[in-house]
């Protein structure tokens, strides 16, 4: 074991003095991708459980949000690309060992199946939009077919949505060079977090009290599961190698401690969990609508802190020295 001192003349604000490539655009994509997965899962489950009367918004209208939310997420991801004109190259091949290749092709299937899910409830959920689609014979045939096979479409949606939700975590955990991400729990954690944010969104947008209560109960269960998964992830890092333990220090007294424990765990999990329990018990309803907002904030904070802390974690620490004077001398000699 020996140490090396690397002196460099490169001038890249994203690399020097420390590696930090992915910024908020990728975190937003991961957040909105998980939210889309949760939206599709709940819309499908409510259809399969025949919850039209108890949860009319989730059953009839929620699915319409899926392609909208996903498109916003895809836009932020596009903004992060360095060579935007080459994005089509994701679809010129399929690399079975590449998580990004899997993700690109998963999104190709998500869009059409989400449209089928929307069409299956469009007439009952958004009749003005359905009238527009019904103007053409092809549109009428599409709506008729989707309504006839509504349950089959819902069953097909669930595995695709689950894969989408898990993929947002696997995209990070597959990077073995980053100890903080190197956990098998991350994919499931991101899926559960995505479902929790989707449940919070329903609570915010639904009008019927029975539906709000149903999804508040669902969110309580999901938040409890999320807390358990976070604990497992931290235990996994704490019982790992020296590099895993070192990576864990970034949220245990390191630079990301505040964001993780205060913004994510405290504001994004524990406080909304308490507010939702108080709401369901009838003790306090005045702050009931604050809980889902905090859940959404916590969902994004999770992706941001995991992404940032992971990028700074490494297996090999090189002591680097960035020299602006050396750069200036190099330029003067050219």
Protein backbone atom coordinates (compact mmCIF):
# COMPACT_ATOMS: atom_id res chain seq x y z
CA UNK A 1 0.00 0.00 0.00
CA UNK A 2 1.53 3.33 -1.05
CA UNK A 3 0.26 6.85 -1.59
CA UNK A 4 0.60 8.89 -4.75
CA UNK A 5 0.44 12.66 -5.18
CA UNK A 6 -1.17 13.60 -8.46
CA UNK A 7 -0.46 17.10 -9.78
CA UNK A 8 -2.70 18.07 -12.67
CA UNK A 9 -3.07 21.02 -15.02
CA UNK A 10 -6.61 20.23 -16.10
CA UNK A 11 -9.28 22.89 -15.68
CA UNK A 12 -12.71 21.33 -15.17
CA UNK A 13 -14.97 22.77 -12.47
CA UNK A 14 -16.97 19.52 -12.34
CA UNK A 15 -13.89 17.42 -11.63
CA UNK A 16 -11.44 19.67 -9.78
CA UNK A 17 -10.96 19.68 -6.89
CA UNK A 18 -13.28 16.65 -6.49
CA UNK A 19 -15.34 14.40 -8.73
CA UNK A 20 -18.92 15.61 -8.99
CA UNK A 21 -20.58 14.97 -12.33
CA UNK A 22 -24.32 14.32 -11.82
CA UNK A 23 -26.28 17.30 -10.50
CA UNK A 24 -29.94 18.04 -9.70
CA UNK A 25 -31.17 17.03 -13.17
CA UNK A 26 -30.40 13.35 -12.58
CA UNK A 27 -31.81 13.44 -9.05
CA UNK A 28 -35.03 14.96 -10.39
CA UNK A 29 -35.24 12.27 -13.07
CA UNK A 30 -34.82 9.54 -10.45
CA UNK A 31 -37.50 11.16 -8.29
CA UNK A 32 -40.03 11.61 -11.11
CA UNK A 33 -39.29 8.14 -12.48
CA UNK A 34 -40.13 6.62 -9.10
CA UNK A 35 -43.23 8.80 -8.82
CA UNK A 36 -44.37 7.62 -12.27
CA UNK A 37 -43.94 4.00 -11.22
CA UNK A 38 -46.05 4.60 -8.11
CA UNK A 39 -48.77 6.36 -10.12
CA UNK A 40 -49.06 3.47 -12.56
CA UNK A 41 -49.04 0.84 -9.82
CA UNK A 42 -51.80 2.47 -7.78
CA UNK A 43 -53.96 3.20 -10.83
CA UNK A 44 -53.68 -0.47 -11.82
CA UNK A 45 -54.30 -1.81 -8.30
CA UNK A 46 -57.39 0.34 -7.80
CA UNK A 47 -58.75 -0.95 -11.11
CA UNK A 48 -58.10 -4.58 -10.20
CA UNK A 49 -59.66 -4.09 -6.75
CA UNK A 50 -62.77 -2.37 -8.23
CA UNK A 51 -62.30 0.76 -6.09
CA UNK A 52 -64.21 3.14 -8.38
CA UNK A 53 -66.54 4.28 -5.59
CA UNK A 54 -64.00 4.45 -2.77
CA UNK A 55 -61.12 5.88 -4.83
CA UNK A 56 -62.53 7.46 -8.00
CA UNK A 57 -59.53 9.73 -8.67
CA UNK A 58 -56.93 6.97 -8.40
CA UNK A 59 -59.03 4.57 -10.44
CA UNK A 60 -60.21 6.88 -13.21
CA UNK A 61 -57.84 9.84 -13.46
CA UNK A 62 -54.50 9.12 -11.80
CA UNK A 63 -53.07 7.22 -14.79
CA UNK A 64 -53.18 10.36 -16.94
CA UNK A 65 -50.41 11.87 -14.83
CA UNK A 66 -47.93 9.05 -15.56
CA UNK A 67 -46.68 10.08 -19.03
CA UNK A 68 -46.76 13.76 -18.02
CA UNK A 69 -44.60 13.22 -14.93
CA UNK A 70 -42.27 10.86 -16.77
CA UNK A 71 -41.85 13.31 -19.65
CA UNK A 72 -40.80 16.06 -17.22
CA UNK A 73 -38.28 13.65 -15.73
CA UNK A 74 -36.99 12.71 -19.18
CA UNK A 75 -36.59 16.41 -19.97
CA UNK A 76 -34.40 16.98 -16.92
CA UNK A 77 -32.34 13.92 -17.86
CA UNK A 78 -31.97 15.29 -21.40
CA UNK A 79 -30.70 18.57 -19.95
CA UNK A 80 -27.94 16.65 -18.16
CA UNK A 81 -26.65 15.03 -21.37
CA UNK A 82 -23.41 16.52 -22.64
CA UNK A 83 -23.97 15.45 -26.26
CA UNK A 84 -27.73 15.85 -26.63
CA UNK A 85 -27.84 15.16 -30.37
CA UNK A 86 -26.48 11.65 -29.77
CA UNK A 87 -29.28 10.52 -27.47
CA UNK A 88 -30.64 8.28 -30.24
CA UNK A 89 -27.61 6.02 -29.84
CA UNK A 90 -29.21 4.50 -26.74
CA UNK A 91 -31.61 2.80 -29.15
CA UNK A 92 -29.18 1.58 -31.79
CA UNK A 93 -28.18 -1.37 -29.60
CA UNK A 94 -29.08 -3.22 -26.42
CA UNK A 95 -26.28 -3.84 -23.94
CA UNK A 96 -27.45 -6.53 -21.53
CA UNK A 97 -24.83 -5.63 -18.89
CA UNK A 98 -25.58 -1.89 -18.97
CA UNK A 99 -28.20 -0.52 -16.54
CA UNK A 100 -28.53 2.61 -18.67
CA UNK A 101 -29.30 0.51 -21.74
CA UNK A 102 -31.96 -1.38 -19.78
CA UNK A 103 -33.43 1.90 -18.57
CA UNK A 104 -33.58 3.42 -22.04
CA UNK A 105 -35.47 0.43 -23.43
CA UNK A 106 -37.77 0.16 -20.39
CA UNK A 107 -38.92 3.72 -21.05
CA UNK A 108 -39.79 2.75 -24.64
CA UNK A 109 -42.30 0.21 -23.29
CA UNK A 110 -43.57 2.41 -20.45
CA UNK A 111 -45.02 5.10 -22.70
CA UNK A 112 -47.31 2.90 -24.87
CA UNK A 113 -48.54 0.81 -21.95
CA UNK A 114 -49.29 3.97 -19.95
CA UNK A 115 -51.34 5.25 -22.91
CA UNK A 116 -53.31 2.00 -22.94
CA UNK A 117 -53.90 2.41 -19.20
CA UNK A 118 -55.20 5.96 -19.76
CA UNK A 119 -57.49 4.89 -22.62
CA UNK A 120 -59.03 2.15 -20.46
CA UNK A 121 -60.62 4.78 -18.17
CA UNK A 122 -60.62 7.88 -20.37
CA UNK A 123 -64.37 8.00 -21.03
CA UNK A 124 -65.29 7.74 -17.36
CA UNK A 125 -62.41 9.83 -16.05
CA UNK A 126 -61.92 12.55 -18.67
CA UNK A 127 -65.00 12.62 -20.87
CA UNK A 128 -64.06 15.90 -22.73
CA UNK A 129 -60.73 14.37 -23.76
CA UNK A 130 -62.47 11.11 -24.66
CA UNK A 131 -64.85 13.00 -26.96
CA UNK A 132 -61.85 14.40 -28.81
CA UNK A 133 -60.34 10.92 -29.24
CA UNK A 134 -63.74 9.53 -30.29
CA UNK A 135 -63.85 11.89 -33.27
CA UNK A 136 -61.85 9.40 -35.32
CA UNK A 137 -62.82 5.81 -35.97
CA UNK A 138 -59.36 4.64 -34.94
CA UNK A 139 -59.70 6.50 -31.64
CA UNK A 140 -63.10 4.94 -30.99
CA UNK A 141 -61.75 1.45 -31.71
CA UNK A 142 -58.78 2.08 -29.40
CA UNK A 143 -60.99 3.25 -26.53
CA UNK A 144 -63.40 0.35 -27.01
CA UNK A 145 -60.57 -2.18 -27.04
CA UNK A 146 -58.87 -0.71 -23.95
CA UNK A 147 -62.15 -0.65 -22.01
CA UNK A 148 -62.86 -4.26 -22.96
CA UNK A 149 -59.42 -5.40 -21.74
CA UNK A 150 -59.14 -2.95 -18.87
CA UNK A 151 -58.23 -5.51 -16.21
CA UNK A 152 -55.73 -7.26 -18.48
CA UNK A 153 -54.04 -3.92 -19.18
CA UNK A 154 -53.90 -3.20 -15.44
CA UNK A 155 -52.25 -6.56 -14.79
CA UNK A 156 -49.70 -5.90 -17.54
CA UNK A 157 -48.94 -2.43 -16.19
CA UNK A 158 -47.84 -3.58 -12.72
CA UNK A 159 -44.66 -5.54 -13.66
CA UNK A 160 -43.50 -2.77 -16.02
CA UNK A 161 -44.10 -0.12 -13.36
CA UNK A 162 -42.30 -2.18 -10.70
CA UNK A 163 -39.30 -2.58 -13.00
CA UNK A 164 -39.29 1.17 -13.64
CA UNK A 165 -39.37 1.93 -9.90
CA UNK A 166 -36.63 -0.55 -9.03
CA UNK A 167 -34.50 0.52 -11.99
CA UNK A 168 -34.14 4.05 -10.60
CA UNK A 169 -32.23 2.51 -7.67
CA UNK A 170 -30.38 -0.16 -9.67
CA UNK A 171 -29.05 2.59 -11.95
CA UNK A 172 -26.97 3.71 -8.96
CA UNK A 173 -26.32 0.43 -7.14
CA UNK A 174 -24.86 -1.14 -10.29
CA UNK A 175 -21.91 1.24 -10.04
CA UNK A 176 -19.60 -0.98 -8.00
CA UNK A 177 -16.93 1.74 -7.94
CA UNK A 178 -19.10 3.78 -5.56
CA UNK A 179 -19.29 2.11 -2.12
CA UNK A 180 -22.20 4.26 -0.92
CA UNK A 181 -24.36 2.98 -3.79
CA UNK A 182 -23.13 -0.60 -3.54
CA UNK A 183 -26.25 -2.01 -1.83
CA UNK A 184 -28.91 -4.46 -2.95
CA UNK A 185 -31.47 -2.55 -0.85
CA UNK A 186 -31.30 0.60 -2.96
CA UNK A 187 -33.59 -0.60 -5.77
CA UNK A 188 -36.35 -1.68 -3.38
CA UNK A 189 -35.93 1.51 -1.32
CA UNK A 190 -36.43 3.69 -4.38
CA UNK A 191 -39.48 1.66 -5.43
CA UNK A 192 -41.13 1.99 -2.01
CA UNK A 193 -40.23 5.68 -1.89
CA UNK A 194 -41.77 6.19 -5.34
CA UNK A 195 -44.99 4.50 -4.24
CA UNK A 196 -45.05 6.62 -1.09
CA UNK A 197 -44.75 9.84 -3.09
CA UNK A 198 -47.50 8.64 -5.45
CA UNK A 199 -49.79 7.93 -2.49
CA UNK A 200 -49.02 11.42 -1.16
CA UNK A 201 -49.91 12.89 -4.55
CA UNK A 202 -53.30 11.16 -4.47
CA UNK A 203 -53.96 12.55 -0.98
CA UNK A 204 -53.21 16.04 -2.31
CA UNK A 205 -55.33 15.79 -5.47
CA UNK A 206 -58.28 13.58 -4.48
CA UNK A 207 -61.49 15.27 -3.38
CA UNK A 208 -63.35 12.40 -1.74
CA UNK A 209 -62.63 11.96 1.96
CA UNK A 210 -62.72 8.15 1.79
CA UNK A 211 -60.02 8.19 -0.89
CA UNK A 212 -57.82 10.54 1.11
CA UNK A 213 -58.11 8.27 4.17
CA UNK A 214 -57.37 5.15 2.13
CA UNK A 215 -54.19 6.55 0.65
CA UNK A 216 -53.13 8.09 3.95
CA UNK A 217 -53.26 4.59 5.43
CA UNK A 218 -51.30 3.28 2.47
CA UNK A 219 -48.71 6.01 2.89
CA UNK A 220 -48.30 5.26 6.60
CA UNK A 221 -47.48 1.64 5.74
CA UNK A 222 -45.09 2.67 2.96
CA UNK A 223 -43.27 5.21 5.13
CA UNK A 224 -42.83 2.57 7.85
CA UNK A 225 -41.43 0.17 5.23
CA UNK A 226 -39.16 2.92 3.92
CA UNK A 227 -37.77 3.58 7.39
CA UNK A 228 -37.01 -0.13 7.72
CA UNK A 229 -35.25 -0.22 4.35
CA UNK A 230 -33.19 2.86 5.22
CA UNK A 231 -32.11 1.13 8.44
CA UNK A 232 -31.13 -2.01 6.51
CA UNK A 233 -29.14 0.07 4.04
CA UNK A 234 -27.23 1.83 6.82
CA UNK A 235 -26.56 -1.48 8.59
CA UNK A 236 -25.28 -2.92 5.31
CA UNK A 237 -22.81 -0.06 4.91
CA UNK A 238 -21.75 -0.16 8.58
CA UNK A 239 -21.00 -3.91 8.38
CA UNK A 240 -19.15 -3.68 5.07
CA UNK A 241 -15.55 -3.00 4.16
CA UNK A 242 -13.50 -0.04 5.31
CA UNK A 243 -14.54 1.88 2.21
CA UNK A 244 -18.21 1.24 2.95
CA UNK A 245 -17.78 2.49 6.50
CA UNK A 246 -15.90 5.52 5.22
CA UNK A 247 -18.71 6.21 2.72
CA UNK A 248 -21.24 5.97 5.56
CA UNK A 249 -19.42 8.74 7.43
CA UNK A 250 -20.59 11.25 4.81
CA UNK A 251 -24.07 11.09 6.40
CA UNK A 252 -22.90 10.30 9.94
CA UNK A 253 -21.20 13.58 10.72
CA UNK A 254 -19.96 14.31 7.22
CA UNK A 255 -21.12 16.94 4.69
CA UNK A 256 -24.46 15.26 3.94
CA UNK A 257 -25.55 14.63 7.52
CA UNK A 258 -28.01 17.53 7.62
CA UNK A 259 -29.66 16.73 4.29
CA UNK A 260 -30.02 13.04 5.12
CA UNK A 261 -31.17 13.14 8.73
CA UNK A 262 -33.02 16.44 8.89
CA UNK A 263 -34.44 16.97 5.40
CA UNK A 264 -35.00 13.34 4.40
CA UNK A 265 -35.47 11.29 7.58
CA UNK A 266 -36.92 14.02 9.79
CA UNK A 267 -38.95 16.26 7.48
CA UNK A 268 -39.57 13.67 4.74
CA UNK A 269 -40.39 10.58 6.84
CA UNK A 270 -40.90 11.00 10.59
CA UNK A 271 -42.89 14.26 10.65
CA UNK A 272 -45.35 13.25 7.87
CA UNK A 273 -45.72 9.81 9.48
CA UNK A 274 -46.70 11.48 12.77
CA UNK A 275 -49.06 13.93 11.03
CA UNK A 276 -50.77 11.15 9.08
CA UNK A 277 -51.27 9.04 12.21
CA UNK A 278 -52.76 12.03 14.02
CA UNK A 279 -55.03 12.69 11.05
CA UNK A 280 -56.28 9.10 10.89
CA UNK A 281 -56.85 9.00 14.64
CA UNK A 282 -58.87 12.21 14.48
CA UNK A 283 -56.60 14.01 16.95
CA UNK A 284 -55.49 16.72 14.52
CA UNK A 285 -56.67 17.42 10.99
CA UNK A 286 -55.47 21.01 10.68
CA UNK A 287 -52.05 19.99 9.33
CA UNK A 288 -53.24 16.94 7.39
CA UNK A 289 -52.41 18.39 3.96
CA UNK A 290 -48.88 19.27 5.07
CA UNK A 291 -47.89 15.61 5.38
CA UNK A 292 -48.09 14.68 1.65
CA UNK A 293 -46.14 17.81 0.72
CA UNK A 294 -43.37 16.79 3.12
CA UNK A 295 -43.39 13.25 1.70
CA UNK A 296 -42.79 14.64 -1.79
CA UNK A 297 -39.95 16.83 -0.49
CA UNK A 298 -38.44 13.84 1.29
CA UNK A 299 -38.70 11.69 -1.83
CA UNK A 300 -36.60 14.14 -3.79
CA UNK A 301 -34.17 14.69 -0.89
CA UNK A 302 -33.50 10.93 -0.76
CA UNK A 303 -32.40 10.85 -4.40
CA UNK A 304 -30.32 14.00 -4.11
CA UNK A 305 -28.39 12.99 -1.00
CA UNK A 306 -27.83 9.42 -2.17
CA UNK A 307 -26.60 10.64 -5.54
CA UNK A 308 -24.29 13.31 -4.09
CA UNK A 309 -22.85 11.16 -1.31
CA UNK A 310 -22.35 8.25 -3.68
CA UNK A 311 -20.39 10.29 -6.19
CA UNK A 312 -17.92 11.33 -3.51
CA UNK A 313 -17.45 7.81 -2.15
CA UNK A 314 -14.61 5.80 -3.67
CA UNK A 315 -12.56 2.64 -3.21
CA UNK A 316 -9.20 4.36 -3.73
CA UNK A 317 -8.36 7.74 -2.28
CA UNK A 318 -5.73 9.69 -4.14
CA UNK A 319 -4.35 12.86 -2.61
CA UNK A 320 -4.75 15.34 -5.44
CA UNK A 321 -3.28 18.80 -5.76
CA UNK A 322 -4.85 21.18 -8.24
CA UNK A 323 -2.41 23.88 -9.34
CA UNK A 324 -3.83 26.96 -11.06
CA UNK A 325 -0.28 28.36 -11.36
CA UNK A 326 0.83 25.27 -13.27
CA UNK A 327 -2.14 25.71 -15.60
CA UNK A 328 -1.24 29.35 -16.21
CA UNK A 329 2.38 28.47 -16.98
CA UNK A 330 1.23 25.79 -19.39
CA UNK A 331 -0.95 28.29 -21.22
CA UNK A 332 1.83 30.85 -21.39
CA UNK A 333 4.22 28.30 -22.89
CA UNK A 334 1.83 27.45 -25.73
